[in-house]
Amino acid sequence: MNYRKEVRSLIEKLVGDLKEEEALIETLKRKLTKKEFKVFVAQGNGLSKEDIAKEVRIELDRVEEVLKALKKKINQEKIKKELCE
């Protein structure tokens, strides 16, 4: 999975270049909940929402809620700055 590509797809307005892959992963792990990070990775690996629900062991409705919260969180200015170099 390309973390930089996935983060770019979620950010509405990017303020600079994203960190390198390893630093980006560490920042995401610090800023996202475990469940949000697992859903982010599963989505990046191309899993359907149904498969994400099974893998993360949550209800299908909850997957949608987590994805919305994830996108909202990643688009906060403070977090966007931390994701960039």
PDB file of N, CA and C in Angstrom:
ATOM      1  N   MET A   1       0.843  -1.180   0.000  1.00  0.00           N
ATOM      2  CA  MET A   1       0.000   0.000   0.000  1.00  0.00           C
ATOM      3  C   MET A   1       0.889   1.243   0.000  1.00  0.00           C
ATOM      4  N   ASN A   2       0.475   2.235  -0.737  1.00  0.00           N
ATOM      5  CA  ASN A   2       1.187   3.509  -0.780  1.00  0.00           C
ATOM      6  C   ASN A   2       0.481   4.482   0.165  1.00  0.00           C
ATOM      7  N   TYR A   3       1.053   4.673   1.347  1.00  0.00           N
ATOM      8  CA  TYR A   3       0.433   5.528   2.367  1.00  0.00           C
ATOM      9  C   TYR A   3       0.320   6.972   1.896  1.00  0.00           C
ATOM     10  N   ARG A   4       1.344   7.453   1.210  1.00  0.00           N
ATOM     11  CA  ARG A   4       1.328   8.850   0.746  1.00  0.00           C
ATOM     12  C   ARG A   4       0.153   9.073  -0.212  1.00  0.00           C
ATOM     13  N   LYS A   5      -0.062   8.132  -1.113  1.00  0.00           N
ATOM     14  CA  LYS A   5      -1.161   8.250  -2.079  1.00  0.00           C
ATOM     15  C   LYS A   5      -2.515   8.230  -1.355  1.00  0.00           C
ATOM     16  N   GLU A   6      -2.650   7.346  -0.381  1.00  0.00           N
ATOM     17  CA  GLU A   6      -3.911   7.243   0.356  1.00  0.00           C
ATOM     18  C   GLU A   6      -4.202   8.507   1.158  1.00  0.00           C
ATOM     19  N   VAL A   7      -3.176   9.050   1.802  1.00  0.00           N
ATOM     20  CA  VAL A   7      -3.379  10.279   2.582  1.00  0.00           C
ATOM     21  C   VAL A   7      -3.757  11.419   1.646  1.00  0.00           C
ATOM     22  N   ARG A   8      -3.057  11.511   0.507  1.00  0.00           N
ATOM     23  CA  ARG A   8      -3.386  12.564  -0.473  1.00  0.00           C
ATOM     24  C   ARG A   8      -4.843  12.466  -0.922  1.00  0.00           C
ATOM     25  N   SER A   9      -5.353  11.249  -1.057  1.00  0.00           N
ATOM     26  CA  SER A   9      -6.739  11.081  -1.517  1.00  0.00           C
ATOM     27  C   SER A   9      -7.742  11.564  -0.468  1.00  0.00           C
ATOM     28  N   LEU A  10      -7.344  11.597   0.797  1.00  0.00           N
ATOM     29  CA  LEU A  10      -8.247  12.029   1.865  1.00  0.00           C
ATOM     30  C   LEU A  10      -8.151  13.522   2.169  1.00  0.00           C
ATOM     31  N   ILE A  11      -7.001  14.123   1.894  1.00  0.00           N
ATOM     32  CA  ILE A  11      -6.807  15.530   2.219  1.00  0.00           C
ATOM     33  C   ILE A  11      -7.422  16.401   1.135  1.00  0.00           C
ATOM     34  N   GLU A  12      -8.260  17.347   1.574  1.00  0.00           N
ATOM     35  CA  GLU A  12      -8.933  18.222   0.620  1.00  0.00           C
ATOM     36  C   GLU A  12      -8.001  19.291   0.063  1.00  0.00           C
ATOM     37  N   LYS A  13      -7.153  19.876   0.917  1.00  0.00           N
ATOM     38  CA  LYS A  13      -6.226  20.911   0.468  1.00  0.00           C
ATOM     39  C   LYS A  13      -4.882  20.668   1.138  1.00  0.00           C
ATOM     40  N   LEU A  14      -3.933  20.176   0.370  1.00  0.00           N
ATOM     41  CA  LEU A  14      -2.619  19.830   0.901  1.00  0.00           C
ATOM     42  C   LEU A  14      -1.768  21.079   1.044  1.00  0.00           C
ATOM     43  N   VAL A  15      -1.117  21.257   2.200  1.00  0.00           N
ATOM     44  CA  VAL A  15      -0.355  22.470   2.494  1.00  0.00           C
ATOM     45  C   VAL A  15       1.128  22.356   2.145  1.00  0.00           C
ATOM     46  N   GLY A  16       1.603  21.186   1.764  1.00  0.00           N
ATOM     47  CA  GLY A  16       3.009  20.991   1.421  1.00  0.00           C
ATOM     48  C   GLY A  16       3.236  19.553   1.002  1.00  0.00           C
ATOM     49  N   ASP A  17       4.496  19.155   0.911  1.00  0.00           N
ATOM     50  CA  ASP A  17       4.810  17.765   0.570  1.00  0.00           C
ATOM     51  C   ASP A  17       4.645  16.880   1.796  1.00  0.00           C
ATOM     52  N   LEU A  18       4.107  15.691   1.578  1.00  0.00           N
ATOM     53  CA  LEU A  18       3.942  14.746   2.673  1.00  0.00           C
ATOM     54  C   LEU A  18       5.296  14.186   3.084  1.00  0.00           C
ATOM     55  N   LYS A  19       5.378  13.753   4.341  1.00  0.00           N
ATOM     56  CA  LYS A  19       6.591  13.132   4.858  1.00  0.00           C
ATOM     57  C   LYS A  19       6.881  11.851   4.074  1.00  0.00           C
ATOM     58  N   GLU A  20       8.091  11.350   4.253  1.00  0.00           N
ATOM     59  CA  GLU A  20       8.435  10.056   3.663  1.00  0.00           C
ATOM     60  C   GLU A  20       7.565   8.975   4.296  1.00  0.00           C
ATOM     61  N   GLU A  21       7.473   7.851   3.614  1.00  0.00           N
ATOM     62  CA  GLU A  21       6.564   6.769   3.986  1.00  0.00           C
ATOM     63  C   GLU A  21       6.656   6.365   5.472  1.00  0.00           C
ATOM     64  N   GLU A  22       7.842   6.063   5.971  1.00  0.00           N
ATOM     65  CA  GLU A  22       7.978   5.592   7.359  1.00  0.00           C
ATOM     66  C   GLU A  22       7.578   6.655   8.370  1.00  0.00           C
ATOM     67  N   ALA A  23       7.999   7.899   8.142  1.00  0.00           N
ATOM     68  CA  ALA A  23       7.644   8.988   9.052  1.00  0.00           C
ATOM     69  C   ALA A  23       6.144   9.253   8.995  1.00  0.00           C
ATOM     70  N   LEU A  24       5.553   9.117   7.818  1.00  0.00           N
ATOM     71  CA  LEU A  24       4.117   9.314   7.648  1.00  0.00           C
ATOM     72  C   LEU A  24       3.335   8.258   8.434  1.00  0.00           C
ATOM     73  N   ILE A  25       3.786   7.021   8.350  1.00  0.00           N
ATOM     74  CA  ILE A  25       3.130   5.925   9.071  1.00  0.00           C
ATOM     75  C   ILE A  25       3.184   6.180  10.582  1.00  0.00           C
ATOM     76  N   GLU A  26       4.332   6.589  11.079  1.00  0.00           N
ATOM     77  CA  GLU A  26       4.475   6.865  12.509  1.00  0.00           C
ATOM     78  C   GLU A  26       3.547   7.993  12.953  1.00  0.00           C
ATOM     79  N   THR A  27       3.452   9.047  12.138  1.00  0.00           N
ATOM     80  CA  THR A  27       2.565  10.164  12.468  1.00  0.00           C
ATOM     81  C   THR A  27       1.115   9.707  12.465  1.00  0.00           C
ATOM     82  N   LEU A  28       0.726   8.920  11.473  1.00  0.00           N
ATOM     83  CA  LEU A  28      -0.644   8.417  11.406  1.00  0.00           C
ATOM     84  C   LEU A  28      -0.969   7.551  12.623  1.00  0.00           C
ATOM     85  N   LYS A  29      -0.037   6.708  13.021  1.00  0.00           N
ATOM     86  CA  LYS A  29      -0.262   5.850  14.187  1.00  0.00           C
ATOM     87  C   LYS A  29      -0.440   6.667  15.458  1.00  0.00           C
ATOM     88  N   ARG A  30       0.274   7.788  15.557  1.00  0.00           N
ATOM     89  CA  ARG A  30       0.151   8.653  16.733  1.00  0.00           C
ATOM     90  C   ARG A  30      -1.153   9.432  16.743  1.00  0.00           C
ATOM     91  N   LYS A  31      -1.602   9.858  15.586  1.00  0.00           N
ATOM     92  CA  LYS A  31      -2.754  10.764  15.506  1.00  0.00           C
ATOM     93  C   LYS A  31      -4.095  10.058  15.348  1.00  0.00           C
ATOM     94  N   LEU A  32      -4.088   8.847  14.824  1.00  0.00           N
ATOM     95  CA  LEU A  32      -5.338   8.120  14.616  1.00  0.00           C
ATOM     96  C   LEU A  32      -5.527   7.086  15.724  1.00  0.00           C
ATOM     97  N   THR A  33      -6.785   6.749  15.981  1.00  0.00           N
ATOM     98  CA  THR A  33      -7.038   5.649  16.906  1.00  0.00           C
ATOM     99  C   THR A  33      -6.627   4.352  16.216  1.00  0.00           C
ATOM    100  N   LYS A  34      -6.474   3.290  16.990  1.00  0.00           N
ATOM    101  CA  LYS A  34      -6.101   1.995  16.404  1.00  0.00           C
ATOM    102  C   LYS A  34      -7.126   1.562  15.362  1.00  0.00           C
ATOM    103  N   LYS A  35      -8.392   1.753  15.690  1.00  0.00           N
ATOM    104  CA  LYS A  35      -9.451   1.348  14.767  1.00  0.00           C
ATOM    105  C   LYS A  35      -9.411   2.181  13.491  1.00  0.00           C
ATOM    106  N   GLU A  36      -9.224   3.494  13.614  1.00  0.00           N
ATOM    107  CA  GLU A  36      -9.132   4.357  12.433  1.00  0.00           C
ATOM    108  C   GLU A  36      -7.947   3.949  11.561  1.00  0.00           C
ATOM    109  N   PHE A  37      -6.811   3.645  12.195  1.00  0.00           N
ATOM    110  CA  PHE A  37      -5.629   3.255  11.433  1.00  0.00           C
ATOM    111  C   PHE A  37      -5.870   1.931  10.712  1.00  0.00           C
ATOM    112  N   LYS A  38      -6.488   0.964  11.380  1.00  0.00           N
ATOM    113  CA  LYS A  38      -6.778  -0.333  10.750  1.00  0.00           C
ATOM    114  C   LYS A  38      -7.718  -0.159   9.558  1.00  0.00           C
ATOM    115  N   VAL A  39      -8.733   0.686   9.711  1.00  0.00           N
ATOM    116  CA  VAL A  39      -9.677   0.937   8.613  1.00  0.00           C
ATOM    117  C   VAL A  39      -8.958   1.638   7.462  1.00  0.00           C
ATOM    118  N   PHE A  40      -8.098   2.602   7.785  1.00  0.00           N
ATOM    119  CA  PHE A  40      -7.317   3.321   6.773  1.00  0.00           C
ATOM    120  C   PHE A  40      -6.463   2.345   5.964  1.00  0.00           C
ATOM    121  N   VAL A  41      -5.757   1.446   6.646  1.00  0.00           N
ATOM    122  CA  VAL A  41      -4.893   0.473   5.974  1.00  0.00           C
ATOM    123  C   VAL A  41      -5.727  -0.490   5.126  1.00  0.00           C
ATOM    124  N   ALA A  42      -6.825  -0.971   5.695  1.00  0.00           N
ATOM    125  CA  ALA A  42      -7.680  -1.904   4.956  1.00  0.00           C
ATOM    126  C   ALA A  42      -8.251  -1.261   3.701  1.00  0.00           C
ATOM    127  N   GLN A  43      -8.667  -0.007   3.812  1.00  0.00           N
ATOM    128  CA  GLN A  43      -9.198   0.701   2.652  1.00  0.00           C
ATOM    129  C   GLN A  43      -8.088   0.902   1.613  1.00  0.00           C
ATOM    130  N   GLY A  44      -6.907   1.234   2.075  1.00  0.00           N
ATOM    131  CA  GLY A  44      -5.765   1.415   1.181  1.00  0.00           C
ATOM    132  C   GLY A  44      -5.372   0.138   0.471  1.00  0.00           C
ATOM    133  N   ASN A  45      -5.659  -0.998   1.093  1.00  0.00           N
ATOM    134  CA  ASN A  45      -5.374  -2.287   0.468  1.00  0.00           C
ATOM    135  C   ASN A  45      -6.481  -2.725  -0.479  1.00  0.00           C
ATOM    136  N   GLY A  46      -7.475  -1.854  -0.668  1.00  0.00           N
ATOM    137  CA  GLY A  46      -8.526  -2.124  -1.643  1.00  0.00           C
ATOM    138  C   GLY A  46      -9.664  -2.987  -1.162  1.00  0.00           C
ATOM    139  N   LEU A  47      -9.805  -3.160   0.142  1.00  0.00           N
ATOM    140  CA  LEU A  47     -10.903  -3.982   0.658  1.00  0.00           C
ATOM    141  C   LEU A  47     -12.228  -3.231   0.558  1.00  0.00           C
ATOM    142  N   SER A  48     -13.288  -3.980   0.340  1.00  0.00           N
ATOM    143  CA  SER A  48     -14.627  -3.387   0.325  1.00  0.00           C
ATOM    144  C   SER A  48     -15.024  -3.057   1.759  1.00  0.00           C
ATOM    145  N   LYS A  49     -16.061  -2.257   1.903  1.00  0.00           N
ATOM    146  CA  LYS A  49     -16.525  -1.891   3.247  1.00  0.00           C
ATOM    147  C   LYS A  49     -16.958  -3.134   4.032  1.00  0.00           C
ATOM    148  N   GLU A  50     -17.548  -4.097   3.342  1.00  0.00           N
ATOM    149  CA  GLU A  50     -17.956  -5.341   4.001  1.00  0.00           C
ATOM    150  C   GLU A  50     -16.740  -6.101   4.522  1.00  0.00           C
ATOM    151  N   ASP A  51     -15.690  -6.172   3.685  1.00  0.00           N
ATOM    152  CA  ASP A  51     -14.472  -6.866   4.098  1.00  0.00           C
ATOM    153  C   ASP A  51     -13.754  -6.123   5.220  1.00  0.00           C
ATOM    154  N   ILE A  52     -13.795  -4.795   5.165  1.00  0.00           N
ATOM    155  CA  ILE A  52     -13.193  -3.989   6.240  1.00  0.00           C
ATOM    156  C   ILE A  52     -13.911  -4.291   7.550  1.00  0.00           C
ATOM    157  N   ALA A  53     -15.237  -4.349   7.511  1.00  0.00           N
ATOM    158  CA  ALA A  53     -16.026  -4.634   8.716  1.00  0.00           C
ATOM    159  C   ALA A  53     -15.624  -5.987   9.316  1.00  0.00           C
ATOM    160  N   LYS A  54     -15.424  -6.987   8.455  1.00  0.00           N
ATOM    161  CA  LYS A  54     -15.025  -8.309   8.943  1.00  0.00           C
ATOM    162  C   LYS A  54     -13.613  -8.277   9.517  1.00  0.00           C
ATOM    163  N   GLU A  55     -12.694  -7.636   8.813  1.00  0.00           N
ATOM    164  CA  GLU A  55     -11.298  -7.620   9.243  1.00  0.00           C
ATOM    165  C   GLU A  55     -11.096  -6.861  10.551  1.00  0.00           C
ATOM    166  N   VAL A  56     -11.781  -5.720  10.678  1.00  0.00           N
ATOM    167  CA  VAL A  56     -11.618  -4.887  11.872  1.00  0.00           C
ATOM    168  C   VAL A  56     -12.593  -5.305  12.976  1.00  0.00           C
ATOM    169  N   ARG A  57     -13.515  -6.182  12.621  1.00  0.00           N
ATOM    170  CA  ARG A  57     -14.519  -6.708  13.560  1.00  0.00           C
ATOM    171  C   ARG A  57     -15.436  -5.618  14.099  1.00  0.00           C
ATOM    172  N   ILE A  58     -16.021  -4.867  13.160  1.00  0.00           N
ATOM    173  CA  ILE A  58     -17.012  -3.847  13.519  1.00  0.00           C
ATOM    174  C   ILE A  58     -18.199  -3.980  12.574  1.00  0.00           C
ATOM    175  N   GLU A  59     -19.291  -3.348  12.940  1.00  0.00           N
ATOM    176  CA  GLU A  59     -20.486  -3.359  12.106  1.00  0.00           C
ATOM    177  C   GLU A  59     -20.238  -2.555  10.832  1.00  0.00           C
ATOM    178  N   LEU A  60     -20.948  -2.894   9.779  1.00  0.00           N
ATOM    179  CA  LEU A  60     -20.806  -2.204   8.499  1.00  0.00           C
ATOM    180  C   LEU A  60     -21.119  -0.714   8.621  1.00  0.00           C
ATOM    181  N   ASP A  61     -22.155  -0.365   9.392  1.00  0.00           N
ATOM    182  CA  ASP A  61     -22.500   1.049   9.603  1.00  0.00           C
ATOM    183  C   ASP A  61     -21.353   1.793  10.279  1.00  0.00           C
ATOM    184  N   ARG A  62     -20.684   1.117  11.178  1.00  0.00           N
ATOM    185  CA  ARG A  62     -19.571   1.726  11.921  1.00  0.00           C
ATOM    186  C   ARG A  62     -18.378   2.011  11.002  1.00  0.00           C
ATOM    187  N   VAL A  63     -18.187   1.193   9.966  1.00  0.00           N
ATOM    188  CA  VAL A  63     -17.101   1.428   9.009  1.00  0.00           C
ATOM    189  C   VAL A  63     -17.271   2.801   8.372  1.00  0.00           C
ATOM    190  N   GLU A  64     -18.483   3.108   7.955  1.00  0.00           N
ATOM    191  CA  GLU A  64     -18.764   4.409   7.340  1.00  0.00           C
ATOM    192  C   GLU A  64     -18.493   5.553   8.314  1.00  0.00           C
ATOM    193  N   GLU A  65     -18.893   5.378   9.561  1.00  0.00           N
ATOM    194  CA  GLU A  65     -18.647   6.405  10.584  1.00  0.00           C
ATOM    195  C   GLU A  65     -17.152   6.611  10.801  1.00  0.00           C
ATOM    196  N   VAL A  66     -16.404   5.530  10.873  1.00  0.00           N
ATOM    197  CA  VAL A  66     -14.957   5.614  11.091  1.00  0.00           C
ATOM    198  C   VAL A  66     -14.287   6.299   9.903  1.00  0.00           C
ATOM    199  N   LEU A  67     -14.727   5.991   8.681  1.00  0.00           N
ATOM    200  CA  LEU A  67     -14.148   6.623   7.492  1.00  0.00           C
ATOM    201  C   LEU A  67     -14.412   8.136   7.482  1.00  0.00           C
ATOM    202  N   LYS A  68     -15.612   8.526   7.881  1.00  0.00           N
ATOM    203  CA  LYS A  68     -15.922   9.960   7.950  1.00  0.00           C
ATOM    204  C   LYS A  68     -15.071  10.656   9.003  1.00  0.00           C
ATOM    205  N   ALA A  69     -14.951  10.038  10.176  1.00  0.00           N
ATOM    206  CA  ALA A  69     -14.147  10.614  11.255  1.00  0.00           C
ATOM    207  C   ALA A  69     -12.677  10.698  10.846  1.00  0.00           C
ATOM    208  N   LEU A  70     -12.214   9.677  10.158  1.00  0.00           N
ATOM    209  CA  LEU A  70     -10.832   9.634   9.678  1.00  0.00           C
ATOM    210  C   LEU A  70     -10.547  10.776   8.707  1.00  0.00           C
ATOM    211  N   LYS A  71     -11.439  10.971   7.763  1.00  0.00           N
ATOM    212  CA  LYS A  71     -11.255  12.050   6.780  1.00  0.00           C
ATOM    213  C   LYS A  71     -11.302  13.418   7.464  1.00  0.00           C
ATOM    214  N   LYS A  72     -12.224  13.568   8.389  1.00  0.00           N
ATOM    215  CA  LYS A  72     -12.339  14.842   9.114  1.00  0.00           C
ATOM    216  C   LYS A  72     -11.071  15.109   9.925  1.00  0.00           C
ATOM    217  N   LYS A  73     -10.576  14.092  10.594  1.00  0.00           N
ATOM    218  CA  LYS A  73      -9.389  14.242  11.428  1.00  0.00           C
ATOM    219  C   LYS A  73      -8.159  14.582  10.583  1.00  0.00           C
ATOM    220  N   ILE A  74      -7.973  13.885   9.465  1.00  0.00           N
ATOM    221  CA  ILE A  74      -6.807  14.127   8.612  1.00  0.00           C
ATOM    222  C   ILE A  74      -6.852  15.520   7.997  1.00  0.00           C
ATOM    223  N   ASN A  75      -8.020  16.088   7.843  1.00  0.00           N
ATOM    224  CA  ASN A  75      -8.144  17.419   7.245  1.00  0.00           C
ATOM    225  C   ASN A  75      -8.032  18.560   8.253  1.00  0.00           C
ATOM    226  N   GLN A  76      -7.811  18.258   9.521  1.00  0.00           N
ATOM    227  CA  GLN A  76      -7.578  19.312  10.505  1.00  0.00           C
ATOM    228  C   GLN A  76      -6.208  19.923  10.223  1.00  0.00           C
ATOM    229  N   GLU A  77      -6.124  21.241  10.267  1.00  0.00           N
ATOM    230  CA  GLU A  77      -4.885  21.946   9.918  1.00  0.00           C
ATOM    231  C   GLU A  77      -3.687  21.462  10.741  1.00  0.00           C
ATOM    232  N   LYS A  78      -3.887  21.280  12.024  1.00  0.00           N
ATOM    233  CA  LYS A  78      -2.802  20.852  12.905  1.00  0.00           C
ATOM    234  C   LYS A  78      -2.243  19.495  12.461  1.00  0.00           C
ATOM    235  N   ILE A  79      -3.127  18.580  12.132  1.00  0.00           N
ATOM    236  CA  ILE A  79      -2.683  17.254  11.723  1.00  0.00           C
ATOM    237  C   ILE A  79      -2.081  17.295  10.328  1.00  0.00           C
ATOM    238  N   LYS A  80      -2.665  18.076   9.424  1.00  0.00           N
ATOM    239  CA  LYS A  80      -2.085  18.210   8.078  1.00  0.00           C
ATOM    240  C   LYS A  80      -0.652  18.701   8.149  1.00  0.00           C
ATOM    241  N   LYS A  81      -0.394  19.649   9.021  1.00  0.00           N
ATOM    242  CA  LYS A  81       0.976  20.180   9.178  1.00  0.00           C
ATOM    243  C   LYS A  81       1.928  19.103   9.653  1.00  0.00           C
ATOM    244  N   GLU A  82       1.462  18.247  10.559  1.00  0.00           N
ATOM    245  CA  GLU A  82       2.312  17.168  11.068  1.00  0.00           C
ATOM    246  C   GLU A  82       2.576  16.101  10.014  1.00  0.00           C
ATOM    247  N   LEU A  83       1.646  15.944   9.072  1.00  0.00           N
ATOM    248  CA  LEU A  83       1.825  14.945   8.013  1.00  0.00           C
ATOM    249  C   LEU A  83       2.783  15.444   6.920  1.00  0.00           C
ATOM    250  N   CYS A  84       3.017  16.741   6.907  1.00  0.00           N
ATOM    251  CA  CYS A  84       3.901  17.333   5.891  1.00  0.00           C
ATOM    252  C   CYS A  84       5.283  17.563   6.476  1.00  0.00           C
ATOM    253  N   GLU A  85       6.248  17.676   5.588  1.00  0.00           N
ATOM    254  CA  GLU A  85       7.647  17.883   6.010  1.00  0.00           C
ATOM    255  C   GLU A  85       7.875  19.298   6.477  1.00  0.00           C
TER     256      GLU A  85
END
